């Protein structure tokens, strides 16, 4: 598969794929007899993984480290370091998801109770009966 097809497959630009290869985010792509990149399934798997790890917040620098650990001798220490990068990103993503879930729960609560909140707001006798939102548990 050529670079244009690979870029279209993953909704990336050809410049991004060239950059990823140049800086070492993805391993070097084999070239055909004409010197053009010829993406294999292994190369496409790397692009797919990199695109998703970037979407999860992994930095380009961490991706370079991850990719370099996958190349060469692949010692047990390299494999462990590579797995550590993935585990660290999973923990960070889980924290972000938990925060987003709290915000989502707050929004659902506000939508569900919107009419009663507006009624309280408009009723001058209930103006002191305001719920402290920061004391509610929105983590469920």
C-alpha atoms as a PDB file:
ATOM      1  CA  UNK A   1       0.000   0.000   0.000  1.00  0.00           C
ATOM      2  CA  UNK A   2       1.368   3.423  -0.867  1.00  0.00           C
ATOM      3  CA  UNK A   3       1.604   6.395   1.489  1.00  0.00           C
ATOM      4  CA  UNK A   4      -1.473   8.155   0.089  1.00  0.00           C
ATOM      5  CA  UNK A   5      -3.629   5.076   0.657  1.00  0.00           C
ATOM      6  CA  UNK A   6      -2.223   4.568   4.159  1.00  0.00           C
ATOM      7  CA  UNK A   7      -2.847   8.206   5.053  1.00  0.00           C
ATOM      8  CA  UNK A   8      -6.420   8.067   3.781  1.00  0.00           C
ATOM      9  CA  UNK A   9      -7.064   4.816   5.632  1.00  0.00           C
ATOM     10  CA  UNK A  10      -6.281   6.443   8.972  1.00  0.00           C
ATOM     11  CA  UNK A  11      -7.418   9.988   8.173  1.00  0.00           C
ATOM     12  CA  UNK A  12      -3.899  11.366   8.446  1.00  0.00           C
ATOM     13  CA  UNK A  13      -1.845  13.407   6.036  1.00  0.00           C
ATOM     14  CA  UNK A  14       1.053  12.017   4.068  1.00  0.00           C
ATOM     15  CA  UNK A  15       3.205  14.660   5.763  1.00  0.00           C
ATOM     16  CA  UNK A  16       2.237  13.250   9.171  1.00  0.00           C
ATOM     17  CA  UNK A  17       3.227   9.737   8.129  1.00  0.00           C
ATOM     18  CA  UNK A  18       6.554  10.975   6.749  1.00  0.00           C
ATOM     19  CA  UNK A  19       7.148  12.904   9.978  1.00  0.00           C
ATOM     20  CA  UNK A  20       6.284   9.880  12.139  1.00  0.00           C
ATOM     21  CA  UNK A  21       8.767   7.779  10.206  1.00  0.00           C
ATOM     22  CA  UNK A  22      11.467  10.478  10.172  1.00  0.00           C
ATOM     23  CA  UNK A  23      11.395  11.056  13.956  1.00  0.00           C
ATOM     24  CA  UNK A  24      10.977   7.380  14.804  1.00  0.00           C
ATOM     25  CA  UNK A  25       7.357   7.274  15.969  1.00  0.00           C
ATOM     26  CA  UNK A  26       6.860   4.394  13.548  1.00  0.00           C
ATOM     27  CA  UNK A  27       9.627   2.014  12.459  1.00  0.00           C
ATOM     28  CA  UNK A  28      11.178   2.566   9.034  1.00  0.00           C
ATOM     29  CA  UNK A  29       8.812   1.587   6.228  1.00  0.00           C
ATOM     30  CA  UNK A  30      10.163  -0.700   3.523  1.00  0.00           C
ATOM     31  CA  UNK A  31      10.557   0.773   0.065  1.00  0.00           C
ATOM     32  CA  UNK A  32       9.656  -0.813  -3.241  1.00  0.00           C
ATOM     33  CA  UNK A  33      12.090  -1.089  -6.149  1.00  0.00           C
ATOM     34  CA  UNK A  34      11.201   2.472  -7.194  1.00  0.00           C
ATOM     35  CA  UNK A  35      12.041   3.806  -3.733  1.00  0.00           C
ATOM     36  CA  UNK A  36       8.449   4.526  -2.723  1.00  0.00           C
ATOM     37  CA  UNK A  37       7.147   3.526   0.690  1.00  0.00           C
ATOM     38  CA  UNK A  38       5.309   0.225   0.580  1.00  0.00           C
ATOM     39  CA  UNK A  39       3.235  -0.087   3.761  1.00  0.00           C
ATOM     40  CA  UNK A  40       2.747  -3.615   5.044  1.00  0.00           C
ATOM     41  CA  UNK A  41       0.154  -4.824   7.521  1.00  0.00           C
ATOM     42  CA  UNK A  42       2.785  -4.453  10.255  1.00  0.00           C
ATOM     43  CA  UNK A  43       3.363  -0.822   9.243  1.00  0.00           C
ATOM     44  CA  UNK A  44      -0.383  -0.165   9.177  1.00  0.00           C
ATOM     45  CA  UNK A  45      -0.729  -1.713  12.641  1.00  0.00           C
ATOM     46  CA  UNK A  46       1.928   0.717  13.900  1.00  0.00           C
ATOM     47  CA  UNK A  47       0.102   3.671  12.380  1.00  0.00           C
ATOM     48  CA  UNK A  48      -3.188   2.526  13.890  1.00  0.00           C
ATOM     49  CA  UNK A  49      -1.577   2.079  17.320  1.00  0.00           C
ATOM     50  CA  UNK A  50       0.212   5.430  17.149  1.00  0.00           C
ATOM     51  CA  UNK A  51      -2.906   7.289  16.057  1.00  0.00           C
ATOM     52  CA  UNK A  52      -4.873   5.848  18.966  1.00  0.00           C
ATOM     53  CA  UNK A  53      -2.105   6.399  21.525  1.00  0.00           C
ATOM     54  CA  UNK A  54      -1.855  10.030  20.371  1.00  0.00           C
ATOM     55  CA  UNK A  55      -5.623  10.379  20.758  1.00  0.00           C
ATOM     56  CA  UNK A  56      -5.245   9.017  24.295  1.00  0.00           C
ATOM     57  CA  UNK A  57      -2.707  11.744  25.058  1.00  0.00           C
ATOM     58  CA  UNK A  58       0.649  10.000  24.627  1.00  0.00           C
ATOM     59  CA  UNK A  59       3.330  12.478  23.609  1.00  0.00           C
ATOM     60  CA  UNK A  60       5.381  12.153  20.437  1.00  0.00           C
ATOM     61  CA  UNK A  61       8.480  11.773  22.621  1.00  0.00           C
ATOM     62  CA  UNK A  62       6.932   8.818  24.476  1.00  0.00           C
ATOM     63  CA  UNK A  63       5.900   7.282  21.163  1.00  0.00           C
ATOM     64  CA  UNK A  64       9.475   7.586  19.915  1.00  0.00           C
ATOM     65  CA  UNK A  65      10.703   5.809  23.058  1.00  0.00           C
ATOM     66  CA  UNK A  66       7.998   3.160  22.639  1.00  0.00           C
ATOM     67  CA  UNK A  67       8.932   2.576  18.996  1.00  0.00           C
ATOM     68  CA  UNK A  68      12.674   2.396  19.683  1.00  0.00           C
ATOM     69  CA  UNK A  69      12.060  -0.176  22.412  1.00  0.00           C
ATOM     70  CA  UNK A  70      10.234  -2.334  19.855  1.00  0.00           C
ATOM     71  CA  UNK A  71      13.199  -2.339  17.482  1.00  0.00           C
ATOM     72  CA  UNK A  72      16.568  -4.006  17.874  1.00  0.00           C
ATOM     73  CA  UNK A  73      17.252  -6.821  20.306  1.00  0.00           C
ATOM     74  CA  UNK A  74      13.941  -6.622  22.216  1.00  0.00           C
ATOM     75  CA  UNK A  75      15.397  -7.568  25.572  1.00  0.00           C
ATOM     76  CA  UNK A  76      13.086  -8.374  28.494  1.00  0.00           C
ATOM     77  CA  UNK A  77      13.975  -4.938  29.899  1.00  0.00           C
ATOM     78  CA  UNK A  78      12.864  -3.303  26.626  1.00  0.00           C
ATOM     79  CA  UNK A  79       9.612  -5.237  26.665  1.00  0.00           C
ATOM     80  CA  UNK A  80       9.013  -4.260  30.289  1.00  0.00           C
ATOM     81  CA  UNK A  81       9.748  -0.588  29.560  1.00  0.00           C
ATOM     82  CA  UNK A  82       7.387  -0.669  26.596  1.00  0.00           C
ATOM     83  CA  UNK A  83       4.661  -2.197  28.736  1.00  0.00           C
ATOM     84  CA  UNK A  84       5.304   0.453  31.412  1.00  0.00           C
ATOM     85  CA  UNK A  85       4.662   3.204  28.858  1.00  0.00           C
ATOM     86  CA  UNK A  86       1.332   1.598  27.986  1.00  0.00           C
ATOM     87  CA  UNK A  87       0.375   1.093  31.641  1.00  0.00           C
ATOM     88  CA  UNK A  88       1.201   4.699  32.532  1.00  0.00           C
ATOM     89  CA  UNK A  89      -0.948   5.938  29.659  1.00  0.00           C
ATOM     90  CA  UNK A  90      -3.786   3.627  30.676  1.00  0.00           C
ATOM     91  CA  UNK A  91      -3.703   5.015  34.225  1.00  0.00           C
ATOM     92  CA  UNK A  92      -3.730   8.591  32.924  1.00  0.00           C
ATOM     93  CA  UNK A  93      -6.590   7.805  30.561  1.00  0.00           C
ATOM     94  CA  UNK A  94      -8.573   6.132  33.357  1.00  0.00           C
ATOM     95  CA  UNK A  95      -8.175   9.280  35.477  1.00  0.00           C
ATOM     96  CA  UNK A  96      -9.369  11.474  32.609  1.00  0.00           C
ATOM     97  CA  UNK A  97     -12.332   9.171  32.001  1.00  0.00           C
ATOM     98  CA  UNK A  98     -13.289   9.317  35.685  1.00  0.00           C
ATOM     99  CA  UNK A  99     -13.143  13.129  35.595  1.00  0.00           C
ATOM    100  CA  UNK A 100     -15.215  13.209  32.423  1.00  0.00           C
ATOM    101  CA  UNK A 101     -17.758  10.832  33.962  1.00  0.00           C
ATOM    102  CA  UNK A 102     -18.158  13.184  36.943  1.00  0.00           C
ATOM    103  CA  UNK A 103     -18.745  16.131  34.623  1.00  0.00           C
ATOM    104  CA  UNK A 104     -21.200  14.074  32.611  1.00  0.00           C
ATOM    105  CA  UNK A 105     -23.076  13.108  35.771  1.00  0.00           C
ATOM    106  CA  UNK A 106     -23.215  16.766  36.818  1.00  0.00           C
ATOM    107  CA  UNK A 107     -24.646  17.728  33.430  1.00  0.00           C
ATOM    108  CA  UNK A 108     -27.265  14.965  33.622  1.00  0.00           C
ATOM    109  CA  UNK A 109     -28.194  16.146  37.110  1.00  0.00           C
ATOM    110  CA  UNK A 110     -28.478  19.764  35.966  1.00  0.00           C
ATOM    111  CA  UNK A 111     -30.611  18.795  32.976  1.00  0.00           C
ATOM    112  CA  UNK A 112     -32.859  16.533  35.061  1.00  0.00           C
ATOM    113  CA  UNK A 113     -33.347  19.162  37.774  1.00  0.00           C
ATOM    114  CA  UNK A 114     -33.306  22.220  35.528  1.00  0.00           C
ATOM    115  CA  UNK A 115     -37.000  23.104  35.853  1.00  0.00           C
ATOM    116  CA  UNK A 116     -37.009  22.873  39.667  1.00  0.00           C
ATOM    117  CA  UNK A 117     -33.791  24.929  39.885  1.00  0.00           C
ATOM    118  CA  UNK A 118     -35.255  27.629  37.671  1.00  0.00           C
ATOM    119  CA  UNK A 119     -38.454  27.652  39.746  1.00  0.00           C
ATOM    120  CA  UNK A 120     -36.402  28.111  42.939  1.00  0.00           C
ATOM    121  CA  UNK A 121     -34.355  30.833  41.303  1.00  0.00           C
ATOM    122  CA  UNK A 122     -37.471  32.724  40.232  1.00  0.00           C
ATOM    123  CA  UNK A 123     -39.190  32.348  43.628  1.00  0.00           C
ATOM    124  CA  UNK A 124     -37.820  35.092  45.935  1.00  0.00           C
ATOM    125  CA  UNK A 125     -38.892  33.101  49.014  1.00  0.00           C
ATOM    126  CA  UNK A 126     -36.642  30.142  48.063  1.00  0.00           C
ATOM    127  CA  UNK A 127     -33.583  32.188  47.106  1.00  0.00           C
ATOM    128  CA  UNK A 128     -31.601  30.971  50.154  1.00  0.00           C
ATOM    129  CA  UNK A 129     -32.512  27.327  49.522  1.00  0.00           C
ATOM    130  CA  UNK A 130     -29.684  26.681  47.060  1.00  0.00           C
ATOM    131  CA  UNK A 131     -27.964  23.317  46.925  1.00  0.00           C
ATOM    132  CA  UNK A 132     -24.133  23.368  47.208  1.00  0.00           C
ATOM    133  CA  UNK A 133     -23.207  21.377  44.116  1.00  0.00           C
ATOM    134  CA  UNK A 134     -19.607  20.908  45.198  1.00  0.00           C
ATOM    135  CA  UNK A 135     -20.817  18.783  48.125  1.00  0.00           C
ATOM    136  CA  UNK A 136     -22.681  16.315  45.891  1.00  0.00           C
ATOM    137  CA  UNK A 137     -20.992  13.118  44.767  1.00  0.00           C
ATOM    138  CA  UNK A 138     -21.125  12.959  40.990  1.00  0.00           C
ATOM    139  CA  UNK A 139     -18.663  10.094  40.675  1.00  0.00           C
ATOM    140  CA  UNK A 140     -21.297   7.353  40.385  1.00  0.00           C
END
